[in-house]
Amino acid sequence: MDMGNLRERIRLLTNDLLHRQSADGAWRFCFDSGVMTDNYLIILMTALGIRDPGFVHTLAVRIAAAQYQNGAWKLYPDEPEGNLETTAESCYALLCAGYYRPTDHRILQAKQFIRSKGGLSEARSLLTQVIFAATGQAEWPRQLRIPLTVFFSELGVGFDLFSLSGHARAHLVPALIMSNKQFYIRNANMPDLSDLFLDGPKTFKNDRTWISNLHELFSALPLASTLASIGSSAAMEQAEAYMLERLEPNDTLLTYETSTVLMIFSLIALGYAADDPLIIRQLQGIRSLQCMDRAHIQIATSEVWDTALLSHALQDAGVAIESTALQNAAYYLAARQQTRKGDWAIRCPHTEPGGWGFSDINTLYPDVDDSVAALRALLPYRQSHSFPNGTANWQRGLNWVLAMRNDDAGWPAFERKGKWMPASLFQFEGSTDVATDPSTVDLTSRVLSFLGKDLGMTIGHRWIDDTVQWILSQQTKEGSWYGRWGICYINGTGAALQGMSDAGMASDHPAIKKGRELAAEHSKCGRRLGRILLERQGEKVCTFKRQHPFANRMGAGRAYCRQ
């Protein structure tokens, strides 16, 4: 490798990044969420009777451009044919936008693809089912007809809402409000898609769980409606308060576009008018998530994550920490440190706030990954006179990260001691995986790398040893590690090898050798990044797919694994 060429390439990349920095010190890039978020906003605006032809047209053009020749839309590029849920949502949104008619070739192709997959009754995503039910296109799934008193009243049966991940709760609560009220909203500008339910009833085939069966049994009992109403009013008020208490400064629900869309629908179900000031502010909050360089509504913005990573990368590339660019980035990150207690404090009540979130306007929803990235970027500045209380605030952030460690010695993303949800609770696609927040190898390894490389906490400290042992326990027999928050085994294996090495594990350790050899073997194969194909050992095939609560469809990159 020519070191001169390498240095020149680093110089060019550095200059390019410095030119892309915003005036406030942040880096802002478009966090592409596919077409899902654009679809949902168009459907919501149409349902509420909100007209903005120019804006809707730009979104519709982007959605239409993503359609494939077979009429389908995809969730991830190498999906073989297309995705049923995304195609149904896109077809629905284009018809709602008013620029396409049911007889247009593009719409007919989309419907043909949907029918080839068994029709809308085969949709398995929670969000798809909720959007279609909330707008009168489908019946509410019985597995969502859980009385709110189960979660929000002393009359409940012991379900702990906070055993679910924070992002799952933010989507489930408004969905339960609507399903409890059997709410839907329709108007003349919305199409009728009942012809896409091939078997007649507008129901979903995955709606057979013990919750569905329990609902049927309970509904058949004498006085069922009377029993169901006991405490329901108070529970509905608590559910509403749950959402209102978790609004961020831009009035989005925990910063997510999708949860905010569901919340607006649920507020309409609760009796709010479409022109209520809160709903107007929430719509403005959603619009604030639009990319600066294209017509696309992001699932959430990624300023803190991008700024922290790029600031540290530029430090490594040789940019002086005294430079205006890095000083401004440090000021930006320092100002985004959170000072409010969020849901994480329920299981960690004696810890002072101090973490960072993913987005510019996160104040309630910090996560370990962003916090570690911010701490690493701010490390050179913690004792600077330019940052009042810099040492104390930096230490507060570190204390928060350390307090989030689980009892198994690994780290979760958002809240410690997350519980695995029973696999039979819901039958939505990916519900068990996404609705929980357990320790994960990739995230834990990045924390370990920071503690080892930057803070000198290496093997020999009992605390570090326990974390290393947990990571080792997660290695597959073939030598790889699974990464939940990135591209499957490539992400997990790379993070684990880096983390343990930075913590002082010898390069000839059997686990490191095995992981390194496996990674090298598959690198030589020339296979696409994100696919470690271990089919000969019976391993899962992993491809890129977006994550979302209960549906693996959130926009934040992660892996989707299929047998």
Protein backbone atom coordinates (compact mmCIF):
# COMPACT_ATOMS: atom_id res chain seq x y z
CA MET A 1 0.00 0.00 0.00
CA ASP A 2 1.36 3.42 -0.97
CA MET A 3 1.39 5.45 2.26
CA GLY A 4 1.63 8.68 0.32
CA ASN A 5 -1.61 7.94 -1.52
CA LEU A 6 -3.24 6.90 1.74
CA ARG A 7 -2.27 10.14 3.47
CA GLU A 8 -3.53 12.18 0.52
CA ARG A 9 -6.84 10.33 0.59
CA ILE A 10 -7.19 11.03 4.33
CA ARG A 11 -6.43 14.71 3.69
CA LEU A 12 -9.11 14.96 1.00
CA LEU A 13 -11.70 13.21 3.16
CA THR A 14 -10.83 15.43 6.11
CA ASN A 15 -11.26 18.59 4.07
CA ASP A 16 -14.56 17.34 2.67
CA LEU A 17 -15.92 16.62 6.16
CA LEU A 18 -14.80 19.97 7.49
CA HIS A 19 -16.66 21.71 4.66
CA ARG A 20 -19.81 19.73 5.47
CA GLN A 21 -19.91 20.80 9.12
CA SER A 22 -22.86 23.00 10.13
CA ALA A 23 -22.34 26.40 11.72
CA ASP A 24 -23.36 25.11 15.16
CA GLY A 25 -20.64 22.44 15.09
CA ALA A 26 -22.84 19.46 14.17
CA TRP A 27 -22.71 17.27 11.10
CA ARG A 28 -26.10 16.72 9.51
CA PHE A 29 -26.68 13.91 7.03
CA CYS A 30 -29.88 12.38 5.73
CA PHE A 31 -30.78 9.27 7.71
CA ASP A 32 -32.58 7.40 4.94
CA SER A 33 -35.56 5.48 6.31
CA GLY A 34 -36.75 4.09 3.00
CA VAL A 35 -40.29 5.05 1.96
CA MET A 36 -42.11 3.94 5.12
CA THR A 37 -42.02 7.28 6.90
CA ASP A 38 -43.05 9.19 3.77
CA ASN A 39 -45.96 6.79 3.28
CA TYR A 40 -47.22 7.25 6.83
CA LEU A 41 -47.15 11.03 6.70
CA ILE A 42 -49.11 11.13 3.45
CA ILE A 43 -51.72 8.71 4.84
CA LEU A 44 -51.99 10.73 8.07
CA MET A 45 -52.36 14.07 6.29
CA THR A 46 -55.00 12.64 3.97
CA ALA A 47 -56.93 11.13 6.88
CA LEU A 48 -56.90 14.47 8.72
CA GLY A 49 -57.93 16.39 5.61
CA ILE A 50 -54.72 18.41 5.55
CA ARG A 51 -53.87 19.81 2.12
CA ASP A 52 -50.33 20.66 1.05
CA PRO A 53 -50.15 19.63 -2.62
CA GLY A 54 -46.59 20.74 -3.31
CA PHE A 55 -45.09 18.99 -0.30
CA VAL A 56 -47.13 15.81 -0.77
CA HIS A 57 -46.20 15.73 -4.45
CA THR A 58 -42.46 15.74 -3.66
CA LEU A 59 -42.94 12.82 -1.26
CA ALA A 60 -45.08 10.94 -3.77
CA VAL A 61 -42.46 11.38 -6.50
CA ARG A 62 -39.82 9.87 -4.23
CA ILE A 63 -42.09 6.95 -3.30
CA ALA A 64 -42.98 6.23 -6.92
CA ALA A 65 -39.32 6.33 -7.97
CA ALA A 66 -38.54 3.52 -5.51
CA GLN A 67 -40.98 1.08 -7.14
CA TYR A 68 -39.41 -1.85 -8.97
CA GLN A 69 -40.36 -3.13 -12.39
CA ASN A 70 -42.41 -5.97 -10.91
CA GLY A 71 -44.61 -3.43 -9.15
CA ALA A 72 -43.16 -4.01 -5.68
CA TRP A 73 -41.28 -1.92 -3.17
CA LYS A 74 -38.44 -3.39 -1.10
CA LEU A 75 -37.30 -2.98 2.47
CA TYR A 76 -33.68 -3.76 1.70
CA PRO A 77 -31.88 -3.82 -1.67
CA ASP A 78 -31.18 -7.54 -1.94
CA GLU A 79 -34.67 -8.66 -0.96
CA PRO A 80 -35.44 -11.20 -3.71
CA GLU A 81 -38.75 -9.90 -5.10
CA GLY A 82 -40.16 -7.21 -2.88
CA ASN A 83 -41.85 -6.65 0.45
CA LEU A 84 -45.57 -7.14 0.94
CA GLU A 85 -46.00 -4.60 3.73
CA THR A 86 -43.92 -1.87 2.11
CA THR A 87 -45.70 -2.38 -1.21
CA ALA A 88 -49.13 -2.18 0.43
CA GLU A 89 -48.18 0.99 2.33
CA SER A 90 -46.67 2.62 -0.75
CA CYS A 91 -49.65 1.79 -2.95
CA TYR A 92 -51.95 3.20 -0.26
CA ALA A 93 -49.92 6.40 0.11
CA LEU A 94 -49.77 7.07 -3.64
CA LEU A 95 -53.53 6.72 -3.92
CA CYS A 96 -54.01 8.99 -0.89
CA ALA A 97 -51.69 11.58 -2.43
CA GLY A 98 -54.16 11.93 -5.29
CA TYR A 99 -51.67 11.79 -8.15
CA TYR A 100 -52.50 8.22 -9.15
CA ARG A 101 -55.78 6.49 -9.86
CA PRO A 102 -56.68 2.86 -9.13
CA THR A 103 -56.54 2.17 -12.87
CA ASP A 104 -53.00 3.53 -13.36
CA HIS A 105 -50.45 0.96 -14.45
CA ARG A 106 -48.21 1.61 -11.43
CA ILE A 107 -51.06 0.93 -8.98
CA LEU A 108 -52.30 -2.13 -10.89
CA GLN A 109 -48.79 -3.60 -10.79
CA ALA A 110 -48.51 -2.99 -7.07
CA LYS A 111 -51.86 -4.65 -6.42
CA GLN A 112 -50.88 -7.60 -8.57
CA PHE A 113 -47.74 -8.10 -6.48
CA ILE A 114 -49.75 -7.86 -3.24
CA ARG A 115 -52.20 -10.48 -4.49
CA SER A 116 -49.32 -12.74 -5.57
CA LYS A 117 -48.17 -12.74 -1.93
CA GLY A 118 -51.57 -13.77 -0.65
CA GLY A 119 -53.10 -10.33 -0.23
CA LEU A 120 -53.15 -7.92 2.70
CA SER A 121 -54.25 -10.60 5.13
CA GLU A 122 -50.68 -11.94 4.95
CA ALA A 123 -49.18 -8.68 6.29
CA ARG A 124 -47.32 -9.42 9.52
CA SER A 125 -45.96 -6.02 10.54
CA LEU A 126 -47.57 -4.33 13.53
CA LEU A 127 -47.21 -0.90 11.96
CA THR A 128 -48.79 -1.95 8.67
CA GLN A 129 -51.73 -3.50 10.49
CA VAL A 130 -52.18 -0.47 12.75
CA ILE A 131 -52.03 2.05 9.88
CA PHE A 132 -54.61 0.09 7.87
CA ALA A 133 -56.87 -0.46 10.90
CA ALA A 134 -56.65 3.18 12.03
CA THR A 135 -57.87 4.32 8.62
CA GLY A 136 -60.68 1.80 8.26
CA GLN A 137 -59.02 -0.46 5.70
CA ALA A 138 -58.84 -3.46 8.06
CA GLU A 139 -60.28 -4.72 11.31
CA TRP A 140 -58.27 -4.17 14.45
CA PRO A 141 -56.16 -7.26 15.24
CA ARG A 142 -57.52 -9.13 18.24
CA GLN A 143 -54.03 -9.45 19.66
CA LEU A 144 -54.03 -5.66 20.07
CA ARG A 145 -57.37 -5.62 21.86
CA ILE A 146 -55.65 -5.83 25.22
CA PRO A 147 -57.56 -3.76 27.78
CA LEU A 148 -55.48 -0.77 28.80
CA THR A 149 -56.18 -1.71 32.40
CA VAL A 150 -53.71 -4.56 31.90
CA PHE A 151 -50.89 -2.00 31.77
CA PHE A 152 -52.33 1.14 33.38
CA SER A 153 -54.49 0.02 36.27
CA GLU A 154 -54.30 -1.90 39.54
CA LEU A 155 -56.91 -4.19 37.99
CA GLY A 156 -54.28 -5.46 35.55
CA VAL A 157 -53.03 -9.03 35.40
CA GLY A 158 -49.40 -8.23 36.00
CA PHE A 159 -48.12 -7.20 32.55
CA ASP A 160 -45.21 -4.80 32.97
CA LEU A 161 -45.26 -2.20 30.21
CA PHE A 162 -41.70 -1.27 31.11
CA SER A 163 -40.41 -4.76 30.42
CA LEU A 164 -40.74 -3.81 26.76
CA SER A 165 -38.13 -1.59 25.10
CA GLY A 166 -38.77 2.15 25.13
CA HIS A 167 -39.29 2.38 21.38
CA ALA A 168 -41.73 -0.56 21.50
CA ARG A 169 -43.73 1.13 24.27
CA ALA A 170 -43.87 4.39 22.33
CA HIS A 171 -45.60 2.59 19.45
CA LEU A 172 -47.67 0.09 21.40
CA VAL A 173 -49.41 2.56 23.73
CA PRO A 174 -51.07 4.68 20.99
CA ALA A 175 -51.95 1.49 19.11
CA LEU A 176 -53.67 0.08 22.21
CA ILE A 177 -55.59 3.32 22.74
CA MET A 178 -56.98 3.07 19.22
CA SER A 179 -57.68 -0.65 19.33
CA ASN A 180 -59.48 -0.34 22.69
CA LYS A 181 -61.74 2.29 21.15
CA GLN A 182 -62.04 0.39 17.85
CA PHE A 183 -61.15 3.72 16.26
CA TYR A 184 -60.79 4.51 12.59
CA ILE A 185 -60.91 7.65 10.49
CA ARG A 186 -61.94 7.79 6.82
CA ASN A 187 -62.93 10.42 4.28
CA ALA A 188 -63.76 10.65 0.60
CA ASN A 189 -60.13 11.26 -0.41
CA MET A 190 -59.03 7.86 0.86
CA PRO A 191 -59.16 4.79 -1.40
CA ASP A 192 -60.93 1.53 -0.66
CA LEU A 193 -58.43 -1.35 -0.59
CA SER A 194 -60.83 -4.08 0.52
CA ASP A 195 -60.22 -5.88 -2.79
CA LEU A 196 -56.72 -6.72 -1.55
CA PHE A 197 -58.12 -8.97 1.19
CA LEU A 198 -58.53 -12.05 -0.97
CA ASP A 199 -60.48 -14.19 1.48
CA GLY A 200 -63.19 -11.63 2.18
CA PRO A 201 -62.79 -10.64 5.85
CA LYS A 202 -60.45 -7.70 6.37
CA THR A 203 -58.39 -9.51 8.97
CA PHE A 204 -54.78 -10.65 9.31
CA LYS A 205 -53.78 -14.31 9.35
CA ASN A 206 -51.13 -13.98 12.05
CA ASP A 207 -53.81 -12.85 14.52
CA ARG A 208 -53.93 -16.17 16.36
CA THR A 209 -52.24 -15.88 19.73
CA TRP A 210 -53.32 -16.71 23.25
CA ILE A 211 -54.28 -13.03 23.59
CA SER A 212 -56.62 -13.36 20.60
CA ASN A 213 -58.14 -16.53 22.02
CA LEU A 214 -58.49 -14.96 25.48
CA HIS A 215 -60.23 -11.97 23.93
CA GLU A 216 -62.71 -14.22 22.13
CA LEU A 217 -63.42 -16.17 25.32
CA PHE A 218 -63.82 -13.06 27.45
CA SER A 219 -66.10 -11.39 24.87
CA ALA A 220 -68.45 -14.38 25.03
CA LEU A 221 -68.91 -14.11 28.80
CA PRO A 222 -72.04 -12.52 30.30
CA LEU A 223 -71.43 -8.90 31.41
CA ALA A 224 -68.16 -8.88 29.42
CA SER A 225 -68.63 -5.28 28.33
CA THR A 226 -69.37 -4.19 31.91
CA LEU A 227 -66.26 -5.91 33.26
CA ALA A 228 -64.09 -4.48 30.50
CA SER A 229 -65.24 -0.95 31.27
CA ILE A 230 -64.16 -1.11 34.92
CA GLY A 231 -61.20 1.20 35.30
CA SER A 232 -60.96 1.77 31.55
CA SER A 233 -61.52 5.51 31.77
CA ALA A 234 -58.70 5.98 34.25
CA ALA A 235 -56.46 3.67 32.22
CA MET A 236 -57.17 5.67 29.07
CA GLU A 237 -56.18 8.87 30.89
CA GLN A 238 -52.97 7.25 32.10
CA ALA A 239 -52.14 6.07 28.60
CA GLU A 240 -52.67 9.58 27.27
CA ALA A 241 -50.48 10.99 30.02
CA TYR A 242 -47.81 8.39 29.21
CA MET A 243 -47.51 9.81 25.69
CA LEU A 244 -47.71 13.47 26.67
CA GLU A 245 -44.96 13.05 29.27
CA ARG A 246 -42.57 11.69 26.63
CA LEU A 247 -42.80 14.45 24.05
CA GLU A 248 -39.49 15.93 23.00
CA PRO A 249 -38.95 19.69 22.41
CA ASN A 250 -40.19 19.39 18.82
CA ASP A 251 -43.33 17.58 20.09
CA THR A 252 -42.41 14.24 18.57
CA LEU A 253 -42.90 11.14 20.71
CA LEU A 254 -39.36 10.11 21.73
CA THR A 255 -38.20 11.68 18.43
CA TYR A 256 -39.66 8.91 16.22
CA GLU A 257 -41.77 9.89 13.21
CA THR A 258 -43.69 6.63 13.31
CA SER A 259 -44.63 6.78 17.00
CA THR A 260 -45.69 10.42 16.52
CA VAL A 261 -47.94 9.45 13.60
CA LEU A 262 -49.59 6.80 15.79
CA MET A 263 -49.90 9.26 18.67
CA ILE A 264 -51.71 11.79 16.46
CA PHE A 265 -54.17 9.10 15.37
CA SER A 266 -54.67 8.10 19.01
CA LEU A 267 -55.28 11.71 20.06
CA ILE A 268 -58.02 11.93 17.41
CA ALA A 269 -59.44 8.73 18.92
CA LEU A 270 -59.41 10.44 22.33
CA GLY A 271 -61.45 13.36 21.01
CA TYR A 272 -58.81 15.90 19.96
CA ALA A 273 -59.69 17.94 16.89
CA ALA A 274 -57.45 17.75 13.83
CA ASP A 275 -56.63 21.44 14.26
CA ASP A 276 -55.80 21.13 17.98
CA PRO A 277 -52.62 23.12 18.74
CA LEU A 278 -50.86 19.99 20.01
CA ILE A 279 -51.56 18.07 16.81
CA ILE A 280 -50.46 21.05 14.71
CA ARG A 281 -47.18 21.18 16.67
CA GLN A 282 -46.68 17.45 16.28
CA LEU A 283 -47.17 17.68 12.52
CA GLN A 284 -44.62 20.49 12.46
CA GLY A 285 -42.30 18.27 14.48
CA ILE A 286 -42.64 15.52 11.90
CA ARG A 287 -42.00 18.00 9.10
CA SER A 288 -38.83 19.12 10.92
CA LEU A 289 -37.44 15.62 10.32
CA GLN A 290 -37.24 16.21 6.56
CA CYS A 291 -33.79 15.80 5.08
CA MET A 292 -32.05 19.02 4.10
CA ASP A 293 -31.12 17.75 0.64
CA ARG A 294 -34.12 15.69 -0.45
CA ALA A 295 -37.85 15.11 -0.02
CA HIS A 296 -37.71 12.47 2.69
CA ILE A 297 -38.98 12.35 6.26
CA GLN A 298 -36.43 10.63 8.48
CA ILE A 299 -37.50 8.19 11.18
CA ALA A 300 -35.35 10.36 13.47
CA THR A 301 -32.40 12.64 12.90
CA SER A 302 -28.87 11.46 13.71
CA GLU A 303 -26.90 14.63 14.52
CA VAL A 304 -25.43 13.50 17.86
CA TRP A 305 -24.30 10.12 16.55
CA ASP A 306 -22.81 11.55 13.35
CA THR A 307 -21.09 14.43 15.12
CA ALA A 308 -19.57 12.26 17.83
CA LEU A 309 -18.23 9.68 15.38
CA LEU A 310 -16.85 12.24 12.92
CA SER A 311 -15.29 14.38 15.63
CA HIS A 312 -13.37 11.39 16.95
CA ALA A 313 -12.42 10.28 13.44
CA LEU A 314 -11.04 13.73 12.62
CA GLN A 315 -9.04 13.70 15.85
CA ASP A 316 -7.55 10.37 14.76
CA ALA A 317 -6.85 11.85 11.32
CA GLY A 318 -4.67 14.52 12.87
CA VAL A 319 -6.96 17.54 13.07
CA ALA A 320 -5.87 19.57 16.08
CA ILE A 321 -8.27 19.53 18.99
CA GLU A 322 -7.71 23.29 19.25
CA SER A 323 -9.15 23.78 15.75
CA THR A 324 -12.37 25.77 15.45
CA ALA A 325 -14.14 22.84 13.79
CA LEU A 326 -13.46 20.36 16.58
CA GLN A 327 -14.03 22.96 19.29
CA ASN A 328 -17.45 23.73 17.79
CA ALA A 329 -18.26 20.02 17.58
CA ALA A 330 -17.32 19.64 21.23
CA TYR A 331 -19.54 22.59 22.23
CA TYR A 332 -22.40 21.04 20.28
CA LEU A 333 -22.03 17.64 21.95
CA ALA A 334 -21.57 19.09 25.43
CA ALA A 335 -24.84 21.01 25.04
CA ARG A 336 -26.70 17.80 24.11
CA GLN A 337 -25.86 15.94 27.30
CA GLN A 338 -29.15 15.05 28.96
CA THR A 339 -30.15 16.36 32.37
CA ARG A 340 -33.63 14.85 32.70
CA LYS A 341 -34.49 11.42 34.03
CA GLY A 342 -36.25 9.21 31.54
CA ASP A 343 -37.69 5.71 31.76
CA TRP A 344 -34.19 4.30 32.25
CA ALA A 345 -34.35 5.63 35.84
CA ILE A 346 -37.12 3.17 36.75
CA ARG A 347 -34.56 0.37 37.06
CA CYS A 348 -31.66 2.68 37.90
CA PRO A 349 -33.24 5.23 40.27
CA HIS A 350 -30.11 6.41 42.06
CA THR A 351 -28.13 7.32 38.94
CA GLU A 352 -27.79 10.95 37.89
CA PRO A 353 -28.73 11.78 34.27
CA GLY A 354 -25.79 12.25 31.94
CA GLY A 355 -26.23 10.27 28.74
CA TRP A 356 -26.64 11.34 25.13
CA GLY A 357 -29.31 10.39 22.60
CA PHE A 358 -29.22 9.81 18.87
CA SER A 359 -30.95 12.99 17.72
CA ASP A 360 -30.46 16.71 18.07
CA ILE A 361 -33.60 17.08 20.16
CA ASN A 362 -33.28 13.99 22.41
CA THR A 363 -33.78 15.02 26.03
CA LEU A 364 -35.45 11.94 27.52
CA TYR A 365 -34.14 8.91 25.66
CA PRO A 366 -30.38 8.48 26.03
CA ASP A 367 -28.62 5.36 24.84
CA VAL A 368 -25.33 3.72 25.67
CA ASP A 369 -23.91 3.70 22.13
CA ASP A 370 -24.37 7.44 21.56
CA SER A 371 -23.17 8.22 25.06
CA VAL A 372 -19.92 6.31 24.58
CA ALA A 373 -19.38 7.98 21.19
CA ALA A 374 -19.90 11.42 22.75
CA LEU A 375 -17.65 10.66 25.74
CA ARG A 376 -14.88 9.53 23.41
CA ALA A 377 -15.18 12.67 21.26
CA LEU A 378 -15.20 14.93 24.34
CA LEU A 379 -12.37 13.17 26.18
CA PRO A 380 -9.66 15.71 25.13
CA TYR A 381 -11.85 18.60 26.31
CA ARG A 382 -12.97 17.44 29.72
CA GLN A 383 -10.36 19.55 31.53
CA SER A 384 -10.45 22.50 29.15
CA HIS A 385 -11.12 25.95 30.62
CA SER A 386 -13.39 26.54 27.63
CA PHE A 387 -15.88 24.02 29.05
CA PRO A 388 -17.12 25.05 32.50
CA ASN A 389 -17.74 21.96 34.65
CA GLY A 390 -16.37 19.91 31.78
CA THR A 391 -14.72 17.34 34.04
CA ALA A 392 -17.80 16.94 36.23
CA ASN A 393 -20.19 16.66 33.27
CA TRP A 394 -17.93 14.20 31.46
CA GLN A 395 -17.68 12.07 34.60
CA ARG A 396 -21.44 12.23 34.99
CA GLY A 397 -21.79 10.82 31.48
CA LEU A 398 -19.31 8.04 32.22
CA ASN A 399 -21.12 7.20 35.45
CA TRP A 400 -24.38 6.89 33.54
CA VAL A 401 -22.85 4.48 31.02
CA LEU A 402 -21.29 2.35 33.72
CA ALA A 403 -24.56 2.26 35.67
CA MET A 404 -26.37 0.89 32.62
CA ARG A 405 -24.38 -2.35 32.64
CA ASN A 406 -26.57 -5.42 33.09
CA ASP A 407 -26.05 -8.08 35.71
CA ASP A 408 -24.73 -10.42 32.99
CA ALA A 409 -21.82 -7.92 32.49
CA GLY A 410 -23.07 -6.83 29.05
CA TRP A 411 -24.67 -3.55 28.02
CA PRO A 412 -28.16 -2.89 26.63
CA ALA A 413 -28.99 0.02 24.37
CA PHE A 414 -31.42 2.07 26.46
CA GLU A 415 -32.40 0.52 29.80
CA ARG A 416 -30.67 -1.98 32.06
CA LYS A 417 -32.28 -5.24 33.09
CA GLY A 418 -34.50 -5.48 30.03
CA LYS A 419 -36.56 -8.66 29.94
CA TRP A 420 -37.19 -11.03 27.09
CA MET A 421 -40.80 -10.85 26.01
CA PRO A 422 -42.59 -14.23 25.81
CA ALA A 423 -42.48 -15.41 22.22
CA SER A 424 -46.21 -16.15 22.29
CA LEU A 425 -47.27 -12.68 23.46
CA PHE A 426 -47.52 -11.19 19.95
CA GLN A 427 -47.20 -12.70 16.52
CA PHE A 428 -46.08 -9.60 14.67
CA GLU A 429 -42.95 -9.92 12.58
CA GLY A 430 -39.83 -9.62 14.76
CA SER A 431 -41.79 -8.79 17.92
CA THR A 432 -39.71 -10.80 20.36
CA ASP A 433 -36.41 -9.52 18.99
CA VAL A 434 -37.24 -5.83 18.71
CA ALA A 435 -39.54 -5.29 21.70
CA THR A 436 -36.81 -6.13 24.19
CA ASP A 437 -33.51 -4.49 25.09
CA PRO A 438 -31.05 -7.17 26.26
CA SER A 439 -27.27 -7.02 26.40
CA THR A 440 -25.82 -7.18 22.89
CA VAL A 441 -22.34 -8.12 21.73
CA ASP A 442 -21.74 -5.27 19.30
CA LEU A 443 -22.77 -2.52 21.71
CA THR A 444 -21.00 -4.12 24.68
CA SER A 445 -17.84 -4.50 22.64
CA ARG A 446 -17.84 -0.83 21.69
CA VAL A 447 -18.12 0.09 25.37
CA LEU A 448 -15.29 -2.32 26.13
CA SER A 449 -13.14 -0.76 23.40
CA PHE A 450 -13.68 2.70 24.89
CA LEU A 451 -12.92 1.58 28.43
CA GLY A 452 -9.79 -0.25 27.34
CA LYS A 453 -8.28 1.94 24.64
CA ASP A 454 -9.24 5.36 26.02
CA LEU A 455 -9.47 4.82 29.77
CA GLY A 456 -6.93 2.06 30.32
CA MET A 457 -9.38 -0.35 31.97
CA THR A 458 -7.89 -3.60 30.70
CA ILE A 459 -7.99 -7.28 31.45
CA GLY A 460 -7.03 -7.87 35.06
CA HIS A 461 -9.80 -5.67 36.40
CA ARG A 462 -12.51 -8.06 37.60
CA TRP A 463 -15.17 -5.79 36.12
CA ILE A 464 -13.57 -5.93 32.65
CA ASP A 465 -12.86 -9.65 32.94
CA ASP A 466 -16.54 -10.36 33.54
CA THR A 467 -17.52 -8.41 30.41
CA VAL A 468 -14.91 -10.21 28.31
CA GLN A 469 -16.18 -13.55 29.58
CA TRP A 470 -19.74 -12.61 28.64
CA ILE A 471 -18.62 -11.68 25.11
CA LEU A 472 -16.73 -14.96 24.81
CA SER A 473 -19.85 -16.84 25.89
CA GLN A 474 -21.74 -15.35 22.93
CA GLN A 475 -19.32 -16.59 20.26
CA THR A 476 -20.82 -19.13 17.88
CA LYS A 477 -19.14 -22.46 17.37
CA GLU A 478 -17.97 -21.27 13.95
CA GLY A 479 -16.19 -18.30 15.52
CA SER A 480 -18.50 -15.36 14.76
CA TRP A 481 -20.54 -13.02 16.96
CA TYR A 482 -23.99 -11.70 16.11
CA GLY A 483 -24.43 -7.92 16.03
CA ARG A 484 -27.91 -6.68 16.74
CA TRP A 485 -27.42 -2.98 16.00
CA GLY A 486 -25.52 -3.31 12.74
CA ILE A 487 -25.05 -5.68 9.86
CA CYS A 488 -25.37 -9.07 11.46
CA TYR A 489 -22.26 -11.21 11.97
CA ILE A 490 -19.82 -8.87 10.21
CA ASN A 491 -20.74 -6.12 12.66
CA GLY A 492 -20.79 -8.35 15.73
CA THR A 493 -17.55 -10.13 14.93
CA GLY A 494 -15.67 -6.95 14.10
CA ALA A 495 -16.87 -5.22 17.26
CA ALA A 496 -16.04 -8.20 19.48
CA LEU A 497 -12.52 -8.60 18.10
CA GLN A 498 -11.84 -4.86 18.41
CA GLY A 499 -13.29 -4.59 21.90
CA MET A 500 -11.44 -7.54 23.39
CA SER A 501 -8.19 -6.51 21.72
CA ASP A 502 -8.48 -2.97 23.06
CA ALA A 503 -9.10 -4.42 26.51
CA GLY A 504 -5.78 -6.25 26.32
CA MET A 505 -6.69 -9.74 25.16
CA ALA A 506 -3.74 -11.40 23.42
CA SER A 507 -3.93 -11.63 19.63
CA ASP A 508 -3.23 -15.37 19.81
CA HIS A 509 -6.16 -16.08 22.11
CA PRO A 510 -8.13 -18.98 20.56
CA ALA A 511 -11.37 -16.99 20.35
CA ILE A 512 -9.71 -14.05 18.61
CA LYS A 513 -7.80 -16.29 16.23
CA LYS A 514 -10.96 -18.19 15.34
CA GLY A 515 -12.97 -15.02 14.76
CA ARG A 516 -10.21 -13.38 12.75
CA GLU A 517 -9.70 -16.45 10.56
CA LEU A 518 -13.43 -16.74 9.89
CA ALA A 519 -13.67 -13.06 8.96
CA ALA A 520 -10.65 -13.37 6.67
CA GLU A 521 -12.09 -16.47 5.02
CA HIS A 522 -15.35 -14.80 4.16
CA SER A 523 -13.64 -11.58 3.14
CA LYS A 524 -11.71 -13.54 0.51
CA CYS A 525 -14.95 -14.90 -0.88
CA GLY A 526 -15.83 -11.44 -2.17
CA ARG A 527 -19.35 -11.71 -0.85
CA ARG A 528 -21.36 -8.59 -0.21
CA LEU A 529 -20.86 -6.75 3.03
CA GLY A 530 -23.56 -7.77 5.45
CA ARG A 531 -23.74 -11.39 4.30
CA ILE A 532 -21.65 -13.86 6.21
CA LEU A 533 -23.06 -16.95 4.64
CA LEU A 534 -22.42 -19.87 6.94
CA GLU A 535 -24.99 -22.14 5.38
CA ARG A 536 -22.64 -25.08 5.32
CA GLN A 537 -22.62 -24.98 9.11
CA GLY A 538 -26.38 -24.42 9.27
CA GLU A 539 -25.95 -20.79 10.37
CA LYS A 540 -28.56 -18.17 9.56
CA VAL A 541 -28.30 -16.15 6.37
CA CYS A 542 -28.25 -12.45 7.25
CA THR A 543 -29.10 -9.53 5.06
CA PHE A 544 -29.70 -5.88 5.77
CA LYS A 545 -33.15 -4.93 6.93
CA ARG A 546 -34.48 -1.94 8.84
CA GLN A 547 -35.57 -2.28 12.43
CA HIS A 548 -38.88 -1.12 13.78
CA PRO A 549 -40.75 -2.02 16.97
CA PHE A 550 -42.51 -5.37 16.46
CA ALA A 551 -41.68 -5.26 12.76
CA ASN A 552 -37.91 -4.96 12.21
CA ARG A 553 -38.65 -1.76 10.30
CA MET A 554 -37.17 1.20 12.18
CA GLY A 555 -34.74 2.73 9.77
CA ALA A 556 -31.81 2.30 12.12
CA GLY A 557 -29.59 -0.21 10.37
CA ARG A 558 -29.66 -3.71 11.72
CA ALA A 559 -29.72 -7.20 10.39
CA TYR A 560 -32.62 -9.32 9.36
CA CYS A 561 -31.90 -13.03 9.60
CA ARG A 562 -33.84 -15.73 7.85
CA GLN A 563 -33.30 -19.44 7.86
